[in-house]
Amino acid sequence: MTIPEACQLVLEAGFLGKGGEIFVFDMGKPIKIIDLAVNMIRLSGMEPGKDIKIEYIGLRSEKSYMRNCFPGRKKYCRHITKK
């Protein structure tokens, strides 16, 4: 996402909001954090596991994550912005 795209999203959220809403952005296809970490390490010219250790500290279930981020929210509205 470019800086102008991010600014546009913030401006639209401000225009759509009436107070107290939580806006969640659909960022497209999810990627695994481990893949991102490995790619970043390799792009830095290092070897994962050899030069930089990757440590797994645990996962949180998606249901738990959503419950903690949006307590008491049962209904969500969807707004689609055209590019």
Protein backbone atom coordinates (compact mmCIF):
# COMPACT_ATOMS: atom_id res chain seq x y z
CA MET A 1 0.00 0.00 0.00
CA THR A 2 1.34 3.39 -0.92
CA ILE A 3 1.27 6.44 1.33
CA PRO A 4 -1.40 8.18 -0.80
CA GLU A 5 -3.59 5.03 -0.63
CA ALA A 6 -3.21 4.86 3.14
CA CYS A 7 -4.08 8.57 3.47
CA GLN A 8 -7.16 8.06 1.30
CA LEU A 9 -8.36 5.22 3.55
CA VAL A 10 -7.91 7.34 6.68
CA LEU A 11 -9.81 10.24 5.11
CA GLU A 12 -12.65 7.95 4.00
CA ALA A 13 -12.87 6.38 7.47
CA GLY A 14 -13.13 9.86 8.97
CA PHE A 15 -15.89 10.78 6.55
CA LEU A 16 -17.86 7.55 7.13
CA GLY A 17 -17.48 7.51 10.91
CA LYS A 18 -20.15 8.89 13.17
CA GLY A 19 -18.28 8.26 16.42
CA GLY A 20 -17.14 5.10 18.20
CA GLU A 21 -16.89 2.86 15.14
CA ILE A 22 -13.99 0.51 14.56
CA PHE A 23 -12.82 0.22 10.97
CA VAL A 24 -11.06 -2.97 9.90
CA PHE A 25 -9.32 -3.01 6.55
CA ASP A 26 -9.32 -6.03 4.27
CA MET A 27 -5.68 -6.21 3.29
CA GLY A 28 -6.06 -9.01 0.76
CA LYS A 29 -4.62 -12.50 0.83
CA PRO A 30 -3.04 -13.37 4.19
CA ILE A 31 0.59 -14.45 4.29
CA LYS A 32 2.44 -16.43 6.92
CA ILE A 33 4.68 -14.41 9.22
CA ILE A 34 7.38 -17.08 8.94
CA ASP A 35 7.48 -16.65 5.14
CA LEU A 36 7.78 -12.88 5.56
CA ALA A 37 10.57 -13.28 8.14
CA VAL A 38 12.52 -15.77 6.01
CA ASN A 39 12.23 -13.56 2.92
CA MET A 40 13.38 -10.46 4.83
CA ILE A 41 16.37 -12.32 6.29
CA ARG A 42 17.39 -13.63 2.86
CA LEU A 43 16.94 -10.21 1.24
CA SER A 44 19.35 -8.87 3.87
CA GLY A 45 21.98 -11.32 2.60
CA MET A 46 21.78 -13.61 5.63
CA GLU A 47 20.66 -17.16 6.20
CA PRO A 48 17.64 -17.95 8.42
CA GLY A 49 18.55 -20.18 11.34
CA LYS A 50 22.26 -19.59 10.82
CA ASP A 51 22.79 -15.83 10.94
CA ILE A 52 19.45 -14.96 12.52
CA LYS A 53 17.49 -17.29 14.77
CA ILE A 54 13.72 -17.47 14.29
CA GLU A 55 11.95 -18.09 17.58
CA TYR A 56 8.38 -19.40 17.81
CA ILE A 57 6.58 -18.04 20.85
CA GLY A 58 3.05 -19.31 20.20
CA LEU A 59 -0.14 -18.53 18.35
CA ARG A 60 -3.48 -17.09 19.24
CA SER A 61 -6.59 -18.53 17.63
CA GLU A 62 -8.44 -16.28 15.20
CA LYS A 63 -11.61 -16.56 17.28
CA SER A 64 -9.73 -15.43 20.40
CA TYR A 65 -8.08 -12.61 18.46
CA MET A 66 -11.40 -11.32 17.08
CA ARG A 67 -13.06 -11.58 20.50
CA ASN A 68 -10.27 -9.55 22.11
CA CYS A 69 -10.17 -6.92 19.35
CA PHE A 70 -13.93 -6.45 19.07
CA PRO A 71 -15.58 -7.24 22.40
CA GLY A 72 -19.38 -7.19 22.28
CA ARG A 73 -19.51 -6.68 18.51
CA LYS A 74 -21.85 -9.12 16.79
CA LYS A 75 -22.66 -7.18 13.63
CA TYR A 76 -20.24 -5.77 11.11
CA CYS A 77 -20.94 -3.46 8.18
CA ARG A 78 -19.00 -3.71 4.96
CA HIS A 79 -18.01 -0.71 2.86
CA ILE A 80 -16.22 -1.33 -0.40
CA THR A 81 -14.07 1.42 -1.86
CA LYS A 82 -13.39 1.41 -5.59
CA LYS A 83 -9.84 2.06 -6.74
